[in-house]
Every structure is written in C-alpha cells, then in structure tokens.
C-alpha cells in the first residue's frame, strides 16, 4: 500500500503588478520542497459579470498576465498550485482595480492618438521580450 503525498500547499505572496487599463500581471511564491507542476488562477470581476479560469500544467512559471480586463473595474483573483496528486487549496483572495484608459496618457499631451499608439507598441514589445526571456530560462532549466 503506497501512501500518496498530500496535495501541495497553497501559493503565498500573491501580488498584482503592471496594472494597466486592460491587463495586469499576477505573481506568487510556492513553499520550497514541494513538487508543483503547474498552477490554476481564478479571476473574477467583483460585479459578477465575468469569471475566467486559467490552468497551466508542466510549467515552473510563478507569474501570469491577465488579459482582456475591463478598464476601471474591480477584480478578485486566487491562485492554486497543481501537484502530482491534485490541487492545493486556493490562496487568499487578492483584490485589485484596473486603471482608466486615460491614466496612462500624459495630461499635457496635445496629440494623444500618437502617444497611445506608441505606448501600445512599447507594451507589445515588452511582452514579447518577457516571453522570450521566460522561454530561454525554461529551456536552460530543462
């Protein structure tokens, strides 16, 4: 009779960074010594209009970009660790609010359309660069 290890512990230090009008990045830590093969994120708009469940396995990532968010809206997220024998309990709830679209534009701008397009292009390059770095790190780990 083989005893199965307990389910992994809940993620800790769940934080939301890089807040924008339509996206944010959630990151977390997993206690050392436990086999974690992925994660699951429950993202829910506080007014109940939208809920999304993101599940990734076979990854050592400890961060995820939340996309297609509504601007100036309140959200709640919880993260679970996925182990070989099941999922952890959900982490503590984390509340955050997305920015208004106008929050990213300088107030003294005379031509806001150009600045918005430049900002979007920079954001897209940054995300691509982050993905390349993550893939490189994962390949070196493998």
C-alpha atoms as a PDB file:
ATOM      1  CA  UNK A   1       0.000   0.000   0.000  1.00  0.00           C
ATOM      2  CA  UNK A   2       1.662   3.219  -1.188  1.00  0.00           C
ATOM      3  CA  UNK A   3       0.719   6.443   0.559  1.00  0.00           C
ATOM      4  CA  UNK A   4       0.210   9.390  -1.745  1.00  0.00           C
ATOM      5  CA  UNK A   5       1.808  12.664  -0.702  1.00  0.00           C
ATOM      6  CA  UNK A   6      -0.561  15.360   0.426  1.00  0.00           C
ATOM      7  CA  UNK A   7      -1.738  17.917  -2.047  1.00  0.00           C
ATOM      8  CA  UNK A   8       0.678  20.836  -2.490  1.00  0.00           C
ATOM      9  CA  UNK A   9       0.418  23.857  -0.188  1.00  0.00           C
ATOM     10  CA  UNK A  10      -1.402  26.990  -1.314  1.00  0.00           C
ATOM     11  CA  UNK A  11       0.641  29.659  -3.102  1.00  0.00           C
ATOM     12  CA  UNK A  12       1.774  32.567  -0.924  1.00  0.00           C
ATOM     13  CA  UNK A  13       2.732  36.204  -1.544  1.00  0.00           C
ATOM     14  CA  UNK A  14       0.188  36.574  -4.362  1.00  0.00           C
ATOM     15  CA  UNK A  15       0.680  40.046  -5.832  1.00  0.00           C
ATOM     16  CA  UNK A  16      -0.655  42.021  -8.766  1.00  0.00           C
ATOM     17  CA  UNK A  17       1.757  44.251 -10.677  1.00  0.00           C
ATOM     18  CA  UNK A  18       1.989  46.040 -14.021  1.00  0.00           C
ATOM     19  CA  UNK A  19      -1.584  47.283 -13.700  1.00  0.00           C
ATOM     20  CA  UNK A  20      -2.974  48.799 -16.887  1.00  0.00           C
ATOM     21  CA  UNK A  21      -6.466  49.563 -18.183  1.00  0.00           C
ATOM     22  CA  UNK A  22      -6.915  46.130 -19.786  1.00  0.00           C
ATOM     23  CA  UNK A  23      -4.233  43.890 -18.257  1.00  0.00           C
ATOM     24  CA  UNK A  24      -2.279  43.077 -15.119  1.00  0.00           C
ATOM     25  CA  UNK A  25       0.358  40.561 -14.048  1.00  0.00           C
ATOM     26  CA  UNK A  26      -0.226  38.238 -11.110  1.00  0.00           C
ATOM     27  CA  UNK A  27       2.739  36.523  -9.427  1.00  0.00           C
ATOM     28  CA  UNK A  28       3.147  34.226  -6.430  1.00  0.00           C
ATOM     29  CA  UNK A  29       5.554  32.028  -4.496  1.00  0.00           C
ATOM     30  CA  UNK A  30       5.338  28.324  -3.722  1.00  0.00           C
ATOM     31  CA  UNK A  31       6.839  26.938  -0.482  1.00  0.00           C
ATOM     32  CA  UNK A  32      10.141  25.132  -1.116  1.00  0.00           C
ATOM     33  CA  UNK A  33      10.389  21.366  -1.237  1.00  0.00           C
ATOM     34  CA  UNK A  34       7.001  20.628  -2.740  1.00  0.00           C
ATOM     35  CA  UNK A  35       6.514  19.170  -6.208  1.00  0.00           C
ATOM     36  CA  UNK A  36       4.400  21.657  -8.158  1.00  0.00           C
ATOM     37  CA  UNK A  37       3.765  21.003 -11.846  1.00  0.00           C
ATOM     38  CA  UNK A  38       1.522  23.954 -12.645  1.00  0.00           C
ATOM     39  CA  UNK A  39      -0.996  26.444 -11.406  1.00  0.00           C
ATOM     40  CA  UNK A  40      -4.620  27.475 -11.702  1.00  0.00           C
ATOM     41  CA  UNK A  41      -5.907  31.049 -11.422  1.00  0.00           C
ATOM     42  CA  UNK A  42      -9.489  32.034 -10.726  1.00  0.00           C
ATOM     43  CA  UNK A  43     -10.111  35.573 -11.951  1.00  0.00           C
ATOM     44  CA  UNK A  44     -13.490  37.110 -11.181  1.00  0.00           C
ATOM     45  CA  UNK A  45     -14.863  40.563 -11.754  1.00  0.00           C
ATOM     46  CA  UNK A  46     -16.259  41.813  -8.466  1.00  0.00           C
ATOM     47  CA  UNK A  47     -19.594  42.840 -10.013  1.00  0.00           C
ATOM     48  CA  UNK A  48     -20.041  39.207 -11.111  1.00  0.00           C
ATOM     49  CA  UNK A  49     -20.176  39.979 -14.849  1.00  0.00           C
ATOM     50  CA  UNK A  50     -17.126  37.918 -15.782  1.00  0.00           C
ATOM     51  CA  UNK A  51     -15.205  34.928 -14.451  1.00  0.00           C
ATOM     52  CA  UNK A  52     -12.182  33.218 -16.014  1.00  0.00           C
ATOM     53  CA  UNK A  53     -10.300  30.090 -15.000  1.00  0.00           C
ATOM     54  CA  UNK A  54      -6.711  29.777 -16.257  1.00  0.00           C
ATOM     55  CA  UNK A  55      -4.964  26.427 -15.850  1.00  0.00           C
ATOM     56  CA  UNK A  56      -1.357  25.709 -16.869  1.00  0.00           C
ATOM     57  CA  UNK A  57       0.476  22.436 -16.288  1.00  0.00           C
ATOM     58  CA  UNK A  58       4.053  21.361 -16.983  1.00  0.00           C
ATOM     59  CA  UNK A  59       5.375  24.781 -16.087  1.00  0.00           C
ATOM     60  CA  UNK A  60       7.549  26.260 -13.386  1.00  0.00           C
ATOM     61  CA  UNK A  61       6.176  29.751 -14.046  1.00  0.00           C
ATOM     62  CA  UNK A  62       5.209  31.748 -10.996  1.00  0.00           C
ATOM     63  CA  UNK A  63       3.505  34.581 -12.891  1.00  0.00           C
ATOM     64  CA  UNK A  64       0.731  35.052 -15.417  1.00  0.00           C
ATOM     65  CA  UNK A  65      -0.517  38.003 -17.466  1.00  0.00           C
ATOM     66  CA  UNK A  66      -4.250  38.600 -17.085  1.00  0.00           C
ATOM     67  CA  UNK A  67      -5.578  39.990 -20.353  1.00  0.00           C
ATOM     68  CA  UNK A  68      -8.813  41.413 -21.752  1.00  0.00           C
ATOM     69  CA  UNK A  69      -9.770  43.076 -18.477  1.00  0.00           C
ATOM     70  CA  UNK A  70     -12.353  45.864 -18.307  1.00  0.00           C
ATOM     71  CA  UNK A  71     -10.917  49.288 -17.559  1.00  0.00           C
ATOM     72  CA  UNK A  72     -11.577  50.879 -14.172  1.00  0.00           C
ATOM     73  CA  UNK A  73     -13.057  47.622 -12.791  1.00  0.00           C
ATOM     74  CA  UNK A  74     -12.561  45.671  -9.560  1.00  0.00           C
ATOM     75  CA  UNK A  75     -11.296  42.077  -9.723  1.00  0.00           C
ATOM     76  CA  UNK A  76     -10.604  39.259  -7.294  1.00  0.00           C
ATOM     77  CA  UNK A  77      -8.002  36.562  -8.006  1.00  0.00           C
ATOM     78  CA  UNK A  78      -6.978  33.352  -6.270  1.00  0.00           C
ATOM     79  CA  UNK A  79      -4.145  31.000  -7.229  1.00  0.00           C
ATOM     80  CA  UNK A  80      -3.854  27.229  -6.683  1.00  0.00           C
ATOM     81  CA  UNK A  81      -0.773  25.022  -7.043  1.00  0.00           C
ATOM     82  CA  UNK A  82      -1.184  21.859  -9.109  1.00  0.00           C
ATOM     83  CA  UNK A  83       0.791  18.867  -7.852  1.00  0.00           C
ATOM     84  CA  UNK A  84       1.105  15.278  -8.979  1.00  0.00           C
ATOM     85  CA  UNK A  85      -1.853  14.197  -6.832  1.00  0.00           C
ATOM     86  CA  UNK A  86      -4.205  17.144  -7.009  1.00  0.00           C
ATOM     87  CA  UNK A  87      -4.567  20.848  -6.451  1.00  0.00           C
ATOM     88  CA  UNK A  88      -3.891  22.925  -3.361  1.00  0.00           C
ATOM     89  CA  UNK A  89      -6.457  24.959  -1.535  1.00  0.00           C
ATOM     90  CA  UNK A  90      -6.900  28.377  -3.135  1.00  0.00           C
ATOM     91  CA  UNK A  91      -4.645  31.190  -1.961  1.00  0.00           C
ATOM     92  CA  UNK A  92      -6.023  34.150  -0.083  1.00  0.00           C
ATOM     93  CA  UNK A  93      -8.189  36.400  -2.229  1.00  0.00           C
ATOM     94  CA  UNK A  94      -6.387  39.369  -3.749  1.00  0.00           C
ATOM     95  CA  UNK A  95      -8.388  42.416  -4.831  1.00  0.00           C
ATOM     96  CA  UNK A  96      -7.200  44.875  -7.468  1.00  0.00           C
ATOM     97  CA  UNK A  97      -8.650  47.574  -9.718  1.00  0.00           C
ATOM     98  CA  UNK A  98      -7.635  48.209 -13.312  1.00  0.00           C
ATOM     99  CA  UNK A  99      -6.682  51.702 -14.411  1.00  0.00           C
ATOM    100  CA  UNK A 100      -8.743  54.054 -16.517  1.00  0.00           C
ATOM    101  CA  UNK A 101      -7.554  54.298 -20.119  1.00  0.00           C
ATOM    102  CA  UNK A 102      -6.777  57.996 -19.551  1.00  0.00           C
ATOM    103  CA  UNK A 103      -4.463  57.175 -16.611  1.00  0.00           C
ATOM    104  CA  UNK A 104      -1.710  56.043 -18.999  1.00  0.00           C
ATOM    105  CA  UNK A 105      -1.660  59.237 -21.089  1.00  0.00           C
ATOM    106  CA  UNK A 106       0.297  62.360 -20.093  1.00  0.00           C
ATOM    107  CA  UNK A 107      -2.106  65.181 -19.196  1.00  0.00           C
ATOM    108  CA  UNK A 108      -0.083  67.787 -21.132  1.00  0.00           C
ATOM    109  CA  UNK A 109      -0.261  65.884 -24.418  1.00  0.00           C
ATOM    110  CA  UNK A 110      -1.615  67.776 -27.428  1.00  0.00           C
ATOM    111  CA  UNK A 111      -1.764  64.723 -29.730  1.00  0.00           C
ATOM    112  CA  UNK A 112      -2.954  61.826 -27.594  1.00  0.00           C
ATOM    113  CA  UNK A 113      -3.599  59.439 -30.503  1.00  0.00           C
ATOM    114  CA  UNK A 114       0.096  59.187 -31.395  1.00  0.00           C
ATOM    115  CA  UNK A 115       1.138  58.662 -27.793  1.00  0.00           C
ATOM    116  CA  UNK A 116      -1.434  55.913 -27.353  1.00  0.00           C
ATOM    117  CA  UNK A 117      -0.141  54.067 -30.409  1.00  0.00           C
ATOM    118  CA  UNK A 118       3.468  54.430 -29.267  1.00  0.00           C
ATOM    119  CA  UNK A 119       2.501  53.158 -25.823  1.00  0.00           C
ATOM    120  CA  UNK A 120       0.749  50.134 -27.289  1.00  0.00           C
ATOM    121  CA  UNK A 121       3.743  49.287 -29.455  1.00  0.00           C
ATOM    122  CA  UNK A 122       6.074  49.515 -26.462  1.00  0.00           C
ATOM    123  CA  UNK A 123       3.777  47.289 -24.401  1.00  0.00           C
ATOM    124  CA  UNK A 124       3.678  44.688 -27.179  1.00  0.00           C
ATOM    125  CA  UNK A 125       7.499  44.647 -27.482  1.00  0.00           C
ATOM    126  CA  UNK A 126       7.871  44.360 -23.719  1.00  0.00           C
ATOM    127  CA  UNK A 127       5.515  41.381 -23.571  1.00  0.00           C
ATOM    128  CA  UNK A 128       7.341  39.689 -26.456  1.00  0.00           C
ATOM    129  CA  UNK A 129      10.666  40.310 -24.727  1.00  0.00           C
ATOM    130  CA  UNK A 130       9.336  38.883 -21.481  1.00  0.00           C
ATOM    131  CA  UNK A 131       8.099  35.771 -23.269  1.00  0.00           C
ATOM    132  CA  UNK A 132      11.486  35.266 -24.928  1.00  0.00           C
ATOM    133  CA  UNK A 133      13.242  35.571 -21.555  1.00  0.00           C
ATOM    134  CA  UNK A 134      10.830  33.127 -19.912  1.00  0.00           C
ATOM    135  CA  UNK A 135      11.240  30.594 -22.729  1.00  0.00           C
ATOM    136  CA  UNK A 136      15.036  30.916 -22.562  1.00  0.00           C
ATOM    137  CA  UNK A 137      15.037  30.346 -18.793  1.00  0.00           C
ATOM    138  CA  UNK A 138      12.721  27.353 -19.102  1.00  0.00           C
ATOM    139  CA  UNK A 139      14.900  25.837 -21.846  1.00  0.00           C
ATOM    140  CA  UNK A 140      18.030  26.296 -19.727  1.00  0.00           C
ATOM    141  CA  UNK A 141      16.256  24.639 -16.784  1.00  0.00           C
ATOM    142  CA  UNK A 142      15.197  21.647 -18.886  1.00  0.00           C
END
